[in-house]
Amino acid sequence: MSKAVRFSRFGGPEVLVLEDVPTAEPGKGQVRLAVATAGVNPIDWKIRSGLFASGDAPAEPQGTGIDVAGTIDSLGPGVQGWRVGQPVFGKAATGAAATHTLADSAKLVAKPEWLAFPQAAALPVAAETAYRTLRLLGVRAGQTLLVHAVAGGVGLVAAQLARAWGANVVGTASPGRHAFLRELGVRPVSYGEGVEQRVREAVESVDAVLDASGRGVLGMSVELAGSPDRVITIADPDAAAHGVRFSGGGADEVAMSEVFAEVLPLLERGALRLPIEQTFPLERIADAHRLSEFGHLTGKIVLEVG
């Protein structure tokens, strides 16, 4: 038997229950992981709350969590290039908040010895999303990128990737995070009323905008960038009303191997940092979700599992 956090109805963090479940066997192309750490992302509580559902309860209990780091303990049919006992990280297929989970082998990356498990679990969703959206925006050297919610996981990785590619970055964040952002080479501005004017005072022009906040900034972003084609949101469901592209992965998703061929060397030499805001034991996942919903984070939330 394994333990997994699941929910049988949509609602607040209190619907999450840690329970005994049969240990799943990996299917074709899958591996089973003994989970060491799991990341918490806004998408986790949005799914748990029923934001993407029709209102009915789930047909069956659902797991939670995408970001995972752990050790392979079983290989499914047809899996090549991996071995039992190998430390890996990536995206889980059946819920990362568990002692054991399944993952598609193509969505895993070998964990180097220098990368700790908590840091590894913080990376997959943030890094893939940041890399994907910057590529869709065509961010390149000499341009200026505006990132809304730049102090969150996706925002921080996107800002540092853009800087590594030679772009200038301005980002919205609360004042308490401005000093840290300046250390990363980001020009911070406070969000809220008057933010458009503060951005215009901070930079001469904006070439591209990544909205990771979902807080009604798309109209302003289009004005700053000059065209909806220069704006992408990962958080605002009103994207279409502004002619802006919403990128949630799916067909846009980039292979983990491509993402981390770019990200891991930057991490290893200290050119990219992704702080961990707080860690929680698996038993306190409801508290982790509450903190994620509250927002105002610097980096990521991580669950310690095994």
Protein backbone atom coordinates (compact mmCIF):
# COMPACT_ATOMS: atom_id res chain seq x y z
CA MET A 1 0.00 0.00 0.00
CA SER A 2 0.96 3.62 -0.54
CA LYS A 3 -0.30 6.89 0.89
CA ALA A 4 -1.71 9.59 -1.35
CA VAL A 5 -3.48 12.92 -0.89
CA ARG A 6 -6.81 12.83 -2.69
CA PHE A 7 -10.10 14.70 -2.83
CA SER A 8 -13.59 13.38 -3.55
CA ARG A 9 -15.35 16.74 -3.83
CA PHE A 10 -14.36 20.21 -4.94
CA GLY A 11 -13.83 22.86 -2.33
CA GLY A 12 -11.29 24.45 -0.02
CA PRO A 13 -8.08 22.88 1.30
CA GLU A 14 -10.11 20.92 3.86
CA VAL A 15 -11.28 18.50 1.12
CA LEU A 16 -7.74 17.10 0.84
CA VAL A 17 -7.37 13.75 2.61
CA LEU A 18 -4.21 11.66 3.10
CA GLU A 19 -5.28 8.05 2.75
CA ASP A 20 -4.01 4.54 2.06
CA VAL A 21 -4.26 3.47 -1.58
CA PRO A 22 -3.09 0.44 -3.53
CA THR A 23 0.40 0.96 -4.97
CA ALA A 24 -0.15 1.43 -8.70
CA GLU A 25 1.75 -0.50 -11.35
CA PRO A 26 3.26 1.54 -14.20
CA GLY A 27 1.68 1.19 -17.61
CA LYS A 28 3.32 1.31 -21.01
CA GLY A 29 5.90 4.10 -21.15
CA GLN A 30 5.52 4.89 -17.46
CA VAL A 31 7.68 4.53 -14.38
CA ARG A 32 6.72 4.42 -10.73
CA LEU A 33 8.51 6.80 -8.37
CA ALA A 34 9.15 6.59 -4.67
CA VAL A 35 8.46 10.27 -4.02
CA ALA A 36 10.98 12.33 -2.06
CA THR A 37 9.50 15.80 -2.59
CA ALA A 38 6.60 17.36 -4.46
CA GLY A 39 5.98 20.94 -5.57
CA VAL A 40 2.80 22.94 -5.03
CA ASN A 41 1.57 25.19 -7.85
CA PRO A 42 -1.47 27.46 -8.23
CA ILE A 43 -2.90 25.02 -10.78
CA ASP A 44 -3.16 22.43 -7.98
CA TRP A 45 -5.61 24.42 -5.84
CA LYS A 46 -7.46 25.72 -8.88
CA ILE A 47 -8.21 22.13 -9.90
CA ARG A 48 -9.05 21.14 -6.29
CA SER A 49 -11.45 24.09 -5.93
CA GLY A 50 -13.41 23.04 -9.03
CA LEU A 51 -12.47 26.10 -11.06
CA PHE A 52 -12.21 24.00 -14.23
CA ALA A 53 -15.15 21.70 -13.46
CA SER A 54 -18.84 21.88 -14.32
CA GLY A 55 -19.81 21.93 -10.66
CA ASP A 56 -20.38 18.20 -10.11
CA ALA A 57 -18.16 16.23 -7.73
CA PRO A 58 -15.31 14.25 -9.32
CA ALA A 59 -16.43 10.89 -10.66
CA GLU A 60 -13.79 9.25 -8.46
CA PRO A 61 -11.17 10.42 -5.94
CA GLN A 62 -8.46 12.53 -7.56
CA GLY A 63 -4.83 12.96 -6.64
CA THR A 64 -3.13 16.34 -6.56
CA GLY A 65 0.23 17.76 -7.56
CA ILE A 66 2.29 17.81 -10.75
CA ASP A 67 5.89 18.64 -9.73
CA VAL A 68 7.69 15.59 -8.39
CA ALA A 69 11.19 14.43 -7.48
CA GLY A 70 12.09 10.97 -6.30
CA THR A 71 13.64 7.63 -7.19
CA ILE A 72 12.45 5.18 -9.83
CA ASP A 73 11.29 1.95 -8.18
CA SER A 74 9.54 0.23 -11.09
CA LEU A 75 9.62 0.38 -14.91
CA GLY A 76 6.60 -0.09 -17.12
CA PRO A 77 6.57 -1.96 -20.45
CA GLY A 78 8.64 -0.38 -23.19
CA VAL A 79 10.56 2.03 -20.96
CA GLN A 80 14.16 2.49 -22.04
CA GLY A 81 16.95 4.74 -20.83
CA TRP A 82 15.93 4.60 -17.17
CA ARG A 83 16.80 2.21 -14.35
CA VAL A 84 15.37 1.27 -10.98
CA GLY A 85 17.03 3.32 -8.24
CA GLN A 86 17.72 6.33 -10.49
CA PRO A 87 16.95 9.76 -8.99
CA VAL A 88 14.74 11.83 -11.31
CA PHE A 89 12.39 14.80 -11.35
CA GLY A 90 9.61 16.01 -13.62
CA LYS A 91 5.84 15.87 -13.96
CA ALA A 92 3.68 13.23 -12.29
CA ALA A 93 0.80 11.57 -14.10
CA THR A 94 -1.26 10.48 -11.07
CA GLY A 95 -0.64 13.05 -8.34
CA ALA A 96 2.74 13.97 -6.89
CA ALA A 97 1.46 14.39 -3.32
CA ALA A 98 1.89 10.73 -2.47
CA THR A 99 4.49 8.26 -1.29
CA HIS A 100 4.44 6.66 -4.75
CA THR A 101 3.24 8.05 -8.07
CA LEU A 102 3.35 7.22 -11.76
CA ALA A 103 5.00 9.40 -14.39
CA ASP A 104 5.40 9.24 -18.14
CA SER A 105 9.07 8.48 -18.70
CA ALA A 106 9.33 11.23 -21.34
CA LYS A 107 8.32 13.83 -18.72
CA LEU A 108 11.25 13.05 -16.42
CA VAL A 109 14.81 14.33 -16.23
CA ALA A 110 17.74 12.67 -14.47
CA LYS A 111 18.49 14.50 -11.23
CA PRO A 112 22.16 15.48 -11.02
CA GLU A 113 23.94 14.87 -7.71
CA TRP A 114 24.42 18.59 -7.07
CA LEU A 115 20.66 19.26 -7.23
CA ALA A 116 18.82 18.62 -3.95
CA PHE A 117 15.42 16.91 -4.03
CA PRO A 118 13.46 19.94 -2.71
CA GLN A 119 14.95 22.19 -5.38
CA ALA A 120 14.30 19.56 -8.06
CA ALA A 121 10.62 19.35 -7.11
CA ALA A 122 10.30 23.14 -7.32
CA LEU A 123 11.39 23.28 -10.94
CA PRO A 124 9.33 21.35 -13.53
CA VAL A 125 6.13 23.39 -13.95
CA ALA A 126 7.83 26.75 -13.35
CA ALA A 127 10.71 26.07 -15.73
CA GLU A 128 8.65 24.54 -18.54
CA THR A 129 6.03 27.28 -18.35
CA ALA A 130 8.63 30.05 -18.32
CA TYR A 131 10.64 28.55 -21.18
CA ARG A 132 7.52 27.87 -23.26
CA THR A 133 6.01 31.32 -22.89
CA LEU A 134 9.27 33.15 -23.60
CA ARG A 135 9.71 31.11 -26.78
CA LEU A 136 6.12 31.85 -27.83
CA LEU A 137 6.77 35.55 -27.25
CA GLY A 138 10.04 35.36 -29.18
CA VAL A 139 11.98 37.13 -26.43
CA ARG A 140 15.52 37.93 -27.55
CA ALA A 141 18.55 40.02 -26.69
CA GLY A 142 17.99 43.77 -26.49
CA GLN A 143 14.24 43.55 -25.91
CA THR A 144 12.39 44.53 -22.74
CA LEU A 145 10.12 41.96 -21.12
CA LEU A 146 7.45 42.86 -18.56
CA VAL A 147 6.51 40.05 -16.15
CA HIS A 148 3.45 40.42 -13.93
CA ALA A 149 3.92 38.54 -10.62
CA VAL A 150 7.64 38.29 -11.24
CA ALA A 151 8.42 37.03 -7.71
CA GLY A 152 6.45 33.78 -8.15
CA GLY A 153 7.92 30.54 -9.46
CA VAL A 154 7.15 31.06 -13.15
CA GLY A 155 7.95 34.77 -12.97
CA LEU A 156 11.37 34.24 -11.41
CA VAL A 157 12.44 31.58 -13.90
CA ALA A 158 11.11 33.60 -16.84
CA ALA A 159 12.91 36.75 -15.69
CA GLN A 160 16.23 34.99 -15.23
CA LEU A 161 15.97 33.08 -18.51
CA ALA A 162 15.21 36.31 -20.35
CA ARG A 163 18.19 37.97 -18.67
CA ALA A 164 20.40 35.03 -19.68
CA TRP A 165 19.22 35.55 -23.29
CA GLY A 166 20.21 39.22 -23.15
CA ALA A 167 16.81 40.81 -22.58
CA ASN A 168 15.96 43.52 -20.07
CA VAL A 169 13.29 42.64 -17.51
CA VAL A 170 10.85 44.77 -15.54
CA GLY A 171 8.44 43.03 -13.21
CA THR A 172 5.56 43.73 -10.84
CA ALA A 173 5.93 42.62 -7.24
CA SER A 174 5.24 43.79 -3.70
CA PRO A 175 7.86 46.20 -2.27
CA GLY A 176 9.26 43.63 0.15
CA ARG A 177 10.58 41.60 -2.77
CA HIS A 178 12.18 44.44 -4.70
CA ALA A 179 15.66 44.10 -3.17
CA PHE A 180 15.86 40.41 -4.09
CA LEU A 181 14.64 41.11 -7.61
CA ARG A 182 17.29 43.77 -8.11
CA GLU A 183 19.91 41.15 -7.15
CA LEU A 184 18.68 39.12 -10.13
CA GLY A 185 18.95 42.08 -12.50
CA VAL A 186 15.20 42.69 -12.61
CA ARG A 187 13.81 46.22 -12.43
CA PRO A 188 10.88 45.90 -9.99
CA VAL A 189 7.76 48.04 -9.82
CA SER A 190 4.93 47.79 -7.30
CA TYR A 191 1.64 46.41 -8.57
CA GLY A 192 -1.73 48.01 -7.92
CA GLU A 193 -3.21 51.37 -8.89
CA GLY A 194 -0.85 53.39 -11.06
CA VAL A 195 1.26 50.41 -12.14
CA GLU A 196 1.06 51.30 -15.85
CA GLN A 197 2.60 54.69 -15.20
CA ARG A 198 5.28 53.17 -12.98
CA VAL A 199 6.23 50.76 -15.76
CA ARG A 200 6.44 53.62 -18.28
CA GLU A 201 8.70 55.53 -15.90
CA ALA A 202 10.92 52.48 -15.35
CA VAL A 203 11.57 51.60 -19.02
CA GLU A 204 11.41 53.39 -22.36
CA SER A 205 9.28 50.70 -24.01
CA VAL A 206 7.94 47.18 -23.54
CA ASP A 207 8.40 44.58 -26.26
CA ALA A 208 6.66 41.60 -24.66
CA VAL A 209 4.52 40.84 -21.60
CA LEU A 210 4.10 37.64 -19.60
CA ASP A 211 1.14 37.77 -17.22
CA ALA A 212 1.54 35.25 -14.41
CA SER A 213 -0.79 37.12 -12.05
CA GLY A 214 -4.26 36.88 -13.62
CA ARG A 215 -5.24 40.09 -11.84
CA GLY A 216 -6.89 42.09 -14.61
CA VAL A 217 -3.72 43.49 -16.20
CA LEU A 218 -4.24 42.39 -19.79
CA GLY A 219 -5.75 45.60 -21.16
CA MET A 220 -2.90 47.62 -19.71
CA SER A 221 -0.38 45.07 -20.98
CA VAL A 222 -1.66 45.33 -24.55
CA GLU A 223 -1.34 49.12 -24.33
CA LEU A 224 2.24 48.85 -23.09
CA ALA A 225 3.32 46.25 -25.66
CA GLY A 226 1.41 47.83 -28.54
CA SER A 227 -0.31 44.64 -29.69
CA PRO A 228 -2.12 41.65 -28.15
CA ASP A 229 0.27 39.41 -30.11
CA ARG A 230 3.03 40.58 -27.75
CA VAL A 231 1.19 39.46 -24.61
CA ILE A 232 0.71 35.97 -23.14
CA THR A 233 -1.11 35.05 -19.95
CA ILE A 234 -0.95 31.82 -17.99
CA ALA A 235 -3.46 32.96 -15.37
CA ASP A 236 -6.26 35.14 -16.77
CA PRO A 237 -9.33 33.37 -18.22
CA ASP A 238 -10.39 36.64 -19.89
CA ALA A 239 -7.50 36.41 -22.36
CA ALA A 240 -9.72 36.05 -25.44
CA ALA A 241 -11.62 39.24 -24.62
CA HIS A 242 -8.35 41.14 -25.03
CA GLY A 243 -7.15 39.16 -28.07
CA VAL A 244 -4.39 37.73 -25.91
CA ARG A 245 -3.10 34.17 -26.05
CA PHE A 246 -3.66 31.95 -23.02
CA SER A 247 -0.94 29.30 -22.72
CA GLY A 248 -1.67 26.47 -20.33
CA GLY A 249 0.57 23.80 -21.78
CA GLY A 250 -1.23 21.11 -23.72
CA ALA A 251 -0.20 21.32 -27.37
CA ASP A 252 2.23 24.12 -26.48
CA GLU A 253 4.09 22.06 -23.88
CA VAL A 254 7.83 21.74 -24.42
CA ALA A 255 9.78 18.52 -23.78
CA MET A 256 11.45 18.36 -20.38
CA SER A 257 14.72 17.41 -22.05
CA GLU A 258 14.74 20.65 -24.08
CA VAL A 259 13.76 22.83 -21.12
CA PHE A 260 16.39 21.48 -18.76
CA ALA A 261 19.16 21.41 -21.33
CA GLU A 262 18.81 25.19 -20.98
CA VAL A 263 17.91 25.50 -17.29
CA LEU A 264 20.22 23.03 -15.51
CA PRO A 265 23.52 24.63 -16.64
CA LEU A 266 22.23 28.02 -15.46
CA LEU A 267 21.26 26.56 -12.11
CA GLU A 268 24.56 24.76 -11.65
CA ARG A 269 26.65 27.88 -12.14
CA GLY A 270 24.33 30.05 -10.03
CA ALA A 271 22.97 32.10 -12.92
CA LEU A 272 19.40 31.05 -12.11
CA ARG A 273 17.89 30.89 -8.62
CA LEU A 274 14.48 29.62 -7.55
CA PRO A 275 14.00 30.11 -3.79
CA ILE A 276 11.77 27.82 -1.77
CA GLU A 277 9.32 29.97 0.19
CA GLN A 278 8.38 27.19 2.62
CA THR A 279 8.36 23.41 2.99
CA PHE A 280 5.60 21.32 4.55
CA PRO A 281 5.33 17.65 5.47
CA LEU A 282 2.86 15.74 3.32
CA GLU A 283 0.42 15.62 6.24
CA ARG A 284 0.14 19.44 6.12
CA ILE A 285 -0.71 19.75 2.46
CA ALA A 286 -3.87 21.72 3.30
CA ASP A 287 -1.66 24.42 4.86
CA ALA A 288 0.55 24.38 1.75
CA HIS A 289 -2.50 24.96 -0.45
CA ARG A 290 -3.69 27.79 1.80
CA LEU A 291 -0.33 29.51 1.49
CA SER A 292 -0.36 29.07 -2.29
CA GLU A 293 -3.86 30.55 -2.52
CA PHE A 294 -2.83 33.51 -0.37
CA GLY A 295 -0.02 34.25 -2.83
CA HIS A 296 2.61 36.92 -2.28
CA LEU A 297 5.34 34.28 -2.44
CA THR A 298 8.98 34.47 -3.41
CA GLY A 299 9.55 31.23 -5.30
CA LYS A 300 7.92 27.89 -4.61
CA ILE A 301 6.23 25.74 -1.96
CA VAL A 302 7.52 22.19 -1.54
CA LEU A 303 6.17 19.11 0.24
CA GLU A 304 8.64 16.79 2.00
CA VAL A 305 7.41 13.24 1.47
CA GLY A 306 10.11 10.60 1.92
